[in-house]
Amino acid sequence: MFGDIGGLEVVTIIVMAIVIFGPDKLPKLIQDTMGFIRKIRSFADSAKEDIRSELGPEFQNFDFEDLNPKTFVRKQLIGDGDDPLGLKDLKDSVDIKSALNGGPTPTPTASVDFSKPAAASAGPALAAGERPPFDPDAT
């Protein structure tokens, strides 16, 4: 959450807090703030446990991070460890930072072979000259 705050920003915030609140009130303010954060975390944890208990035993392993759209899409495309589309190799081979900075971009080493039919579209093979079946839902 605060990974993008640098050292200079932290020092600036500390100096401003000392100037605004004074060195005598600052420890009490920090203590009150930490107590408030602990209460919010305990409230959130109890709400998560209540939701898990209401969902039932089949959702005991439910992870609330899966509700994040970024995590959901990543799990759906890459899976739980297997990588059927080869996206992990492609992501590792492309250097985004150098591409954004205008530097040379390496060519990806992972490639997808489009000449092979996908496993999901496997069906009966068509004879030479035979028309594929019409699917009104696909058009």
N, C-alpha and C. Protein backbone atom coordinates (compact mmCIF):
# COMPACT_ATOMS: atom_id res chain seq x y z
N MET A 1 0.82 -1.18 0.00
CA MET A 1 0.00 0.00 0.00
C MET A 1 0.87 1.25 0.00
N PHE A 2 1.91 1.27 0.82
CA PHE A 2 2.77 2.44 0.89
C PHE A 2 4.11 2.15 0.25
N GLY A 3 4.16 1.25 -0.71
CA GLY A 3 5.41 0.88 -1.34
C GLY A 3 5.98 1.96 -2.23
N ASP A 4 5.16 2.90 -2.67
CA ASP A 4 5.63 3.93 -3.57
C ASP A 4 6.05 5.21 -2.86
N ILE A 5 6.08 5.21 -1.53
CA ILE A 5 6.54 6.37 -0.76
C ILE A 5 8.03 6.20 -0.50
N GLY A 6 8.78 7.22 -0.88
CA GLY A 6 10.22 7.16 -0.72
C GLY A 6 10.67 7.71 0.62
N GLY A 7 11.96 7.68 0.85
CA GLY A 7 12.54 8.14 2.11
C GLY A 7 12.34 9.62 2.35
N LEU A 8 12.46 10.42 1.29
CA LEU A 8 12.29 11.86 1.43
C LEU A 8 10.86 12.21 1.84
N GLU A 9 9.89 11.50 1.29
CA GLU A 9 8.50 11.75 1.66
C GLU A 9 8.24 11.40 3.12
N VAL A 10 8.81 10.29 3.58
CA VAL A 10 8.64 9.88 4.98
C VAL A 10 9.24 10.92 5.92
N VAL A 11 10.43 11.40 5.60
CA VAL A 11 11.08 12.42 6.44
C VAL A 11 10.24 13.70 6.44
N THR A 12 9.71 14.07 5.30
CA THR A 12 8.87 15.27 5.21
C THR A 12 7.62 15.15 6.06
N ILE A 13 6.98 13.99 6.03
CA ILE A 13 5.78 13.76 6.83
C ILE A 13 6.11 13.82 8.32
N ILE A 14 7.22 13.24 8.72
CA ILE A 14 7.62 13.26 10.14
C ILE A 14 7.91 14.68 10.60
N VAL A 15 8.63 15.45 9.79
CA VAL A 15 8.95 16.83 10.17
C VAL A 15 7.67 17.66 10.25
N MET A 16 6.76 17.48 9.30
CA MET A 16 5.50 18.23 9.34
C MET A 16 4.67 17.85 10.55
N ALA A 17 4.65 16.57 10.91
CA ALA A 17 3.90 16.13 12.09
C ALA A 17 4.47 16.74 13.36
N ILE A 18 5.79 16.82 13.45
CA ILE A 18 6.42 17.43 14.64
C ILE A 18 6.10 18.92 14.71
N VAL A 19 6.12 19.58 13.56
CA VAL A 19 5.84 21.02 13.55
C VAL A 19 4.37 21.30 13.86
N ILE A 20 3.46 20.51 13.28
CA ILE A 20 2.03 20.76 13.47
C ILE A 20 1.57 20.38 14.86
N PHE A 21 1.90 19.17 15.31
CA PHE A 21 1.37 18.68 16.59
C PHE A 21 2.30 18.93 17.77
N GLY A 22 3.55 19.13 17.52
CA GLY A 22 4.50 19.35 18.60
C GLY A 22 5.03 18.04 19.15
N PRO A 23 6.25 18.06 19.69
CA PRO A 23 6.86 16.82 20.17
C PRO A 23 6.18 16.25 21.42
N ASP A 24 5.43 17.05 22.15
CA ASP A 24 4.79 16.53 23.37
C ASP A 24 3.48 15.80 23.06
N LYS A 25 2.75 16.19 22.01
CA LYS A 25 1.47 15.55 21.68
C LYS A 25 1.63 14.43 20.65
N LEU A 26 2.75 14.39 19.97
CA LEU A 26 2.94 13.42 18.89
C LEU A 26 2.89 11.96 19.37
N PRO A 27 3.51 11.55 20.49
CA PRO A 27 3.41 10.15 20.92
C PRO A 27 1.97 9.71 21.20
N LYS A 28 1.17 10.59 21.82
CA LYS A 28 -0.22 10.26 22.10
C LYS A 28 -1.02 10.13 20.80
N LEU A 29 -0.74 10.99 19.83
CA LEU A 29 -1.42 10.93 18.54
C LEU A 29 -1.08 9.63 17.80
N ILE A 30 0.18 9.24 17.84
CA ILE A 30 0.59 7.99 17.19
C ILE A 30 -0.07 6.80 17.87
N GLN A 31 -0.13 6.82 19.19
CA GLN A 31 -0.75 5.73 19.94
C GLN A 31 -2.24 5.64 19.61
N ASP A 32 -2.94 6.76 19.55
CA ASP A 32 -4.37 6.76 19.22
C ASP A 32 -4.61 6.28 17.78
N THR A 33 -3.75 6.70 16.87
CA THR A 33 -3.88 6.28 15.48
C THR A 33 -3.67 4.78 15.33
N MET A 34 -2.66 4.24 16.01
CA MET A 34 -2.40 2.80 15.94
C MET A 34 -3.56 2.00 16.55
N GLY A 35 -4.14 2.49 17.65
CA GLY A 35 -5.29 1.82 18.24
C GLY A 35 -6.48 1.82 17.29
N PHE A 36 -6.68 2.93 16.59
CA PHE A 36 -7.77 3.02 15.61
C PHE A 36 -7.55 2.04 14.47
N ILE A 37 -6.33 1.95 13.98
CA ILE A 37 -6.01 1.02 12.89
C ILE A 37 -6.22 -0.43 13.34
N ARG A 38 -5.82 -0.76 14.58
CA ARG A 38 -6.03 -2.12 15.10
C ARG A 38 -7.52 -2.45 15.18
N LYS A 39 -8.34 -1.49 15.60
CA LYS A 39 -9.78 -1.73 15.68
C LYS A 39 -10.38 -1.96 14.29
N ILE A 40 -9.94 -1.19 13.32
CA ILE A 40 -10.44 -1.37 11.95
C ILE A 40 -10.03 -2.74 11.41
N ARG A 41 -8.79 -3.15 11.65
CA ARG A 41 -8.33 -4.47 11.18
C ARG A 41 -9.11 -5.59 11.86
N SER A 42 -9.34 -5.48 13.16
CA SER A 42 -10.10 -6.53 13.84
C SER A 42 -11.54 -6.57 13.34
N PHE A 43 -12.12 -5.40 13.06
CA PHE A 43 -13.47 -5.36 12.50
C PHE A 43 -13.51 -6.04 11.13
N ALA A 44 -12.51 -5.75 10.28
CA ALA A 44 -12.47 -6.37 8.95
C ALA A 44 -12.25 -7.87 9.04
N ASP A 45 -11.38 -8.32 9.95
CA ASP A 45 -11.14 -9.76 10.11
C ASP A 45 -12.40 -10.47 10.61
N SER A 46 -13.12 -9.86 11.54
CA SER A 46 -14.34 -10.50 12.03
C SER A 46 -15.41 -10.51 10.94
N ALA A 47 -15.46 -9.47 10.10
CA ALA A 47 -16.42 -9.47 8.99
C ALA A 47 -16.09 -10.57 7.99
N LYS A 48 -14.80 -10.77 7.71
CA LYS A 48 -14.40 -11.85 6.80
C LYS A 48 -14.78 -13.21 7.37
N GLU A 49 -14.55 -13.40 8.65
CA GLU A 49 -14.90 -14.68 9.27
C GLU A 49 -16.42 -14.90 9.27
N ASP A 50 -17.18 -13.83 9.49
CA ASP A 50 -18.64 -13.95 9.44
C ASP A 50 -19.10 -14.35 8.04
N ILE A 51 -18.50 -13.74 7.02
CA ILE A 51 -18.87 -14.09 5.65
C ILE A 51 -18.50 -15.53 5.35
N ARG A 52 -17.32 -15.97 5.77
CA ARG A 52 -16.92 -17.37 5.55
C ARG A 52 -17.86 -18.34 6.25
N SER A 53 -18.27 -18.01 7.49
CA SER A 53 -19.17 -18.92 8.21
C SER A 53 -20.56 -18.94 7.59
N GLU A 54 -21.00 -17.82 7.02
CA GLU A 54 -22.31 -17.78 6.38
C GLU A 54 -22.31 -18.50 5.04
N LEU A 55 -21.17 -18.50 4.34
CA LEU A 55 -21.10 -19.17 3.05
C LEU A 55 -21.15 -20.68 3.18
N GLY A 56 -20.67 -21.21 4.27
CA GLY A 56 -20.72 -22.64 4.49
C GLY A 56 -19.35 -23.29 4.39
N PRO A 57 -19.30 -24.60 4.65
CA PRO A 57 -18.02 -25.30 4.70
C PRO A 57 -17.33 -25.42 3.33
N GLU A 58 -18.09 -25.37 2.23
CA GLU A 58 -17.44 -25.52 0.93
C GLU A 58 -16.66 -24.28 0.52
N PHE A 59 -16.84 -23.15 1.22
CA PHE A 59 -16.11 -21.93 0.92
C PHE A 59 -15.12 -21.56 2.02
N GLN A 60 -14.67 -22.51 2.81
CA GLN A 60 -13.73 -22.22 3.88
C GLN A 60 -12.37 -21.75 3.35
N ASN A 61 -12.01 -22.21 2.14
CA ASN A 61 -10.73 -21.82 1.55
C ASN A 61 -10.87 -20.59 0.65
N PHE A 62 -12.00 -19.91 0.72
CA PHE A 62 -12.25 -18.72 -0.09
C PHE A 62 -11.27 -17.62 0.28
N ASP A 63 -10.64 -17.05 -0.73
CA ASP A 63 -9.67 -15.97 -0.52
C ASP A 63 -10.28 -14.67 -1.04
N PHE A 64 -10.34 -13.66 -0.21
CA PHE A 64 -10.95 -12.40 -0.60
C PHE A 64 -10.12 -11.66 -1.64
N GLU A 65 -8.87 -11.99 -1.78
CA GLU A 65 -8.04 -11.39 -2.82
C GLU A 65 -8.50 -11.82 -4.21
N ASP A 66 -9.21 -12.95 -4.30
CA ASP A 66 -9.72 -13.41 -5.59
C ASP A 66 -10.79 -12.46 -6.14
N LEU A 67 -11.36 -11.62 -5.30
CA LEU A 67 -12.36 -10.67 -5.76
C LEU A 67 -11.73 -9.48 -6.49
N ASN A 68 -10.44 -9.29 -6.33
CA ASN A 68 -9.73 -8.24 -7.05
C ASN A 68 -9.71 -8.63 -8.53
N PRO A 69 -10.20 -7.78 -9.43
CA PRO A 69 -10.25 -8.15 -10.85
C PRO A 69 -8.90 -8.54 -11.43
N LYS A 70 -7.84 -7.89 -11.00
CA LYS A 70 -6.51 -8.21 -11.52
C LYS A 70 -6.12 -9.64 -11.14
N THR A 71 -6.36 -10.01 -9.90
CA THR A 71 -6.04 -11.35 -9.43
C THR A 71 -6.94 -12.39 -10.11
N PHE A 72 -8.21 -12.06 -10.28
CA PHE A 72 -9.15 -12.99 -10.91
C PHE A 72 -8.73 -13.30 -12.33
N VAL A 73 -8.40 -12.27 -13.10
CA VAL A 73 -8.00 -12.49 -14.50
C VAL A 73 -6.70 -13.27 -14.56
N ARG A 74 -5.74 -12.95 -13.68
CA ARG A 74 -4.47 -13.67 -13.67
C ARG A 74 -4.68 -15.15 -13.37
N LYS A 75 -5.54 -15.46 -12.40
CA LYS A 75 -5.80 -16.87 -12.07
C LYS A 75 -6.51 -17.58 -13.20
N GLN A 76 -7.41 -16.88 -13.90
CA GLN A 76 -8.15 -17.52 -14.98
C GLN A 76 -7.26 -17.77 -16.19
N LEU A 77 -6.32 -16.87 -16.46
CA LEU A 77 -5.45 -17.05 -17.62
C LEU A 77 -4.29 -17.98 -17.35
N ILE A 78 -3.67 -17.82 -16.18
CA ILE A 78 -2.47 -18.60 -15.89
C ILE A 78 -2.81 -19.86 -15.12
N GLY A 79 -3.83 -19.85 -14.29
CA GLY A 79 -4.20 -21.02 -13.53
C GLY A 79 -3.53 -21.05 -12.18
N ASP A 80 -3.60 -22.17 -11.51
CA ASP A 80 -3.06 -22.31 -10.17
C ASP A 80 -1.62 -22.82 -10.17
N GLY A 81 -0.91 -22.60 -11.21
CA GLY A 81 0.48 -23.06 -11.25
C GLY A 81 0.84 -23.52 -12.65
N ASP A 82 -0.11 -24.11 -13.36
CA ASP A 82 0.17 -24.50 -14.73
C ASP A 82 -0.02 -23.28 -15.63
N ASP A 83 0.61 -23.30 -16.78
CA ASP A 83 0.57 -22.17 -17.70
C ASP A 83 0.28 -22.70 -19.10
N PRO A 84 -0.99 -23.00 -19.40
CA PRO A 84 -1.29 -23.63 -20.69
C PRO A 84 -1.08 -22.69 -21.87
N LEU A 85 -1.18 -21.39 -21.68
CA LEU A 85 -1.04 -20.46 -22.79
C LEU A 85 0.39 -19.97 -22.97
N GLY A 86 1.29 -20.27 -22.04
CA GLY A 86 2.66 -19.81 -22.14
C GLY A 86 2.82 -18.33 -21.81
N LEU A 87 1.89 -17.77 -21.05
CA LEU A 87 1.93 -16.34 -20.74
C LEU A 87 3.04 -15.99 -19.76
N LYS A 88 3.38 -16.92 -18.87
CA LYS A 88 4.43 -16.63 -17.89
C LYS A 88 5.78 -16.47 -18.58
N ASP A 89 6.07 -17.33 -19.54
CA ASP A 89 7.33 -17.21 -20.28
C ASP A 89 7.35 -15.92 -21.09
N LEU A 90 6.22 -15.55 -21.66
CA LEU A 90 6.14 -14.33 -22.44
C LEU A 90 6.34 -13.11 -21.55
N LYS A 91 5.72 -13.11 -20.37
CA LYS A 91 5.86 -11.99 -19.44
C LYS A 91 7.30 -11.87 -18.96
N ASP A 92 7.95 -12.99 -18.70
CA ASP A 92 9.32 -12.95 -18.22
C ASP A 92 10.31 -12.53 -19.31
N SER A 93 9.96 -12.75 -20.58
CA SER A 93 10.91 -12.45 -21.64
C SER A 93 10.83 -11.01 -22.12
N VAL A 94 9.74 -10.29 -21.83
CA VAL A 94 9.59 -8.92 -22.30
C VAL A 94 9.93 -7.96 -21.17
N ASP A 95 10.78 -6.98 -21.46
CA ASP A 95 11.16 -5.98 -20.48
C ASP A 95 10.32 -4.73 -20.72
N ILE A 96 9.30 -4.54 -19.88
CA ILE A 96 8.36 -3.43 -20.05
C ILE A 96 9.05 -2.09 -19.82
N LYS A 97 9.92 -2.02 -18.82
CA LYS A 97 10.56 -0.74 -18.49
C LYS A 97 11.39 -0.21 -19.65
N SER A 98 12.14 -1.08 -20.32
CA SER A 98 12.96 -0.59 -21.43
C SER A 98 12.07 -0.21 -22.61
N ALA A 99 10.93 -0.87 -22.76
CA ALA A 99 10.03 -0.51 -23.85
C ALA A 99 9.40 0.85 -23.60
N LEU A 100 9.06 1.15 -22.35
CA LEU A 100 8.46 2.44 -22.02
C LEU A 100 9.48 3.57 -22.08
N ASN A 101 10.74 3.26 -21.81
CA ASN A 101 11.79 4.28 -21.84
C ASN A 101 12.34 4.49 -23.25
N GLY A 102 11.86 3.76 -24.21
CA GLY A 102 12.32 3.93 -25.58
C GLY A 102 13.56 3.13 -25.90
N GLY A 103 13.98 2.26 -25.02
CA GLY A 103 15.16 1.45 -25.26
C GLY A 103 14.84 0.27 -26.15
N PRO A 104 15.85 -0.51 -26.48
CA PRO A 104 15.61 -1.68 -27.32
C PRO A 104 14.81 -2.73 -26.56
N THR A 105 13.84 -3.29 -27.22
CA THR A 105 13.03 -4.33 -26.59
C THR A 105 13.49 -5.68 -27.11
N PRO A 106 13.76 -6.60 -26.21
CA PRO A 106 14.17 -7.94 -26.65
C PRO A 106 12.99 -8.66 -27.27
N THR A 107 13.32 -9.51 -28.22
CA THR A 107 12.25 -10.29 -28.83
C THR A 107 11.84 -11.39 -27.87
N PRO A 108 10.56 -11.64 -27.74
CA PRO A 108 10.11 -12.68 -26.82
C PRO A 108 10.59 -14.05 -27.26
N THR A 109 11.03 -14.85 -26.30
CA THR A 109 11.50 -16.19 -26.62
C THR A 109 10.36 -17.18 -26.66
N ALA A 110 9.28 -16.88 -25.93
CA ALA A 110 8.14 -17.78 -25.95
C ALA A 110 7.30 -17.47 -27.19
N SER A 111 6.84 -18.51 -27.82
CA SER A 111 6.01 -18.30 -29.00
C SER A 111 4.81 -19.24 -28.92
N VAL A 112 3.76 -18.80 -29.54
CA VAL A 112 2.53 -19.59 -29.58
C VAL A 112 2.40 -20.13 -30.99
N ASP A 113 2.19 -21.42 -31.11
CA ASP A 113 2.05 -22.05 -32.41
C ASP A 113 0.58 -22.05 -32.79
N PHE A 114 0.21 -21.16 -33.72
CA PHE A 114 -1.18 -21.05 -34.13
C PHE A 114 -1.55 -22.07 -35.20
N SER A 115 -0.58 -22.82 -35.69
CA SER A 115 -0.89 -23.80 -36.72
C SER A 115 -1.55 -25.04 -36.13
N LYS A 116 -1.35 -25.27 -34.83
CA LYS A 116 -1.97 -26.41 -34.18
C LYS A 116 -3.33 -26.00 -33.66
N PRO A 117 -4.33 -26.84 -33.80
CA PRO A 117 -5.65 -26.48 -33.26
C PRO A 117 -5.64 -26.52 -31.74
N ALA A 118 -6.40 -25.66 -31.15
CA ALA A 118 -6.49 -25.61 -29.69
C ALA A 118 -7.25 -26.82 -29.19
N ALA A 119 -6.93 -27.23 -27.95
CA ALA A 119 -7.58 -28.41 -27.38
C ALA A 119 -9.05 -28.16 -27.13
N ALA A 120 -9.42 -26.91 -26.83
CA ALA A 120 -10.82 -26.61 -26.52
C ALA A 120 -11.69 -26.68 -27.77
N SER A 121 -11.11 -26.44 -28.97
CA SER A 121 -11.91 -26.46 -30.19
C SER A 121 -11.84 -27.81 -30.90
N ALA A 122 -11.39 -28.83 -30.21
CA ALA A 122 -11.29 -30.15 -30.82
C ALA A 122 -12.68 -30.69 -31.10
N GLY A 123 -12.89 -31.12 -32.28
CA GLY A 123 -14.17 -31.70 -32.69
C GLY A 123 -13.91 -32.64 -33.85
N PRO A 124 -14.95 -33.12 -34.47
CA PRO A 124 -14.71 -34.01 -35.61
C PRO A 124 -14.05 -33.25 -36.75
N ALA A 125 -13.07 -33.89 -37.35
CA ALA A 125 -12.34 -33.27 -38.45
C ALA A 125 -13.24 -33.18 -39.67
N LEU A 126 -13.08 -32.10 -40.41
CA LEU A 126 -13.88 -31.89 -41.62
C LEU A 126 -13.16 -32.52 -42.81
N ALA A 127 -13.94 -33.07 -43.67
CA ALA A 127 -13.37 -33.63 -44.89
C ALA A 127 -13.02 -32.49 -45.84
N ALA A 128 -12.21 -32.79 -46.85
CA ALA A 128 -11.79 -31.77 -47.81
C ALA A 128 -13.02 -31.23 -48.53
N GLY A 129 -13.20 -29.91 -48.52
CA GLY A 129 -14.32 -29.28 -49.20
C GLY A 129 -15.60 -29.23 -48.37
N GLU A 130 -15.64 -29.84 -47.20
CA GLU A 130 -16.84 -29.84 -46.38
C GLU A 130 -16.95 -28.51 -45.64
N ARG A 131 -18.17 -27.99 -45.55
CA ARG A 131 -18.40 -26.73 -44.88
C ARG A 131 -18.53 -26.96 -43.38
N PRO A 132 -18.01 -26.04 -42.56
CA PRO A 132 -18.18 -26.19 -41.11
C PRO A 132 -19.64 -25.97 -40.73
N PRO A 133 -20.07 -26.54 -39.62
CA PRO A 133 -21.47 -26.37 -39.22
C PRO A 133 -21.74 -24.91 -38.84
N PHE A 134 -22.98 -24.48 -39.12
CA PHE A 134 -23.38 -23.11 -38.80
C PHE A 134 -23.82 -23.03 -37.35
N ASP A 135 -23.29 -22.03 -36.66
CA ASP A 135 -23.64 -21.81 -35.26
C ASP A 135 -24.25 -20.43 -35.12
N PRO A 136 -25.58 -20.33 -34.97
CA PRO A 136 -26.20 -19.00 -34.90
C PRO A 136 -25.82 -18.23 -33.65
N ASP A 137 -25.43 -18.92 -32.59
CA ASP A 137 -25.03 -18.22 -31.35
C ASP A 137 -23.66 -17.58 -31.49
N ALA A 138 -22.84 -18.06 -32.38
CA ALA A 138 -21.49 -17.55 -32.52
C ALA A 138 -21.42 -16.34 -33.44
N THR A 139 -22.50 -16.06 -34.17
CA THR A 139 -22.46 -14.93 -35.10
C THR A 139 -23.07 -13.71 -34.51
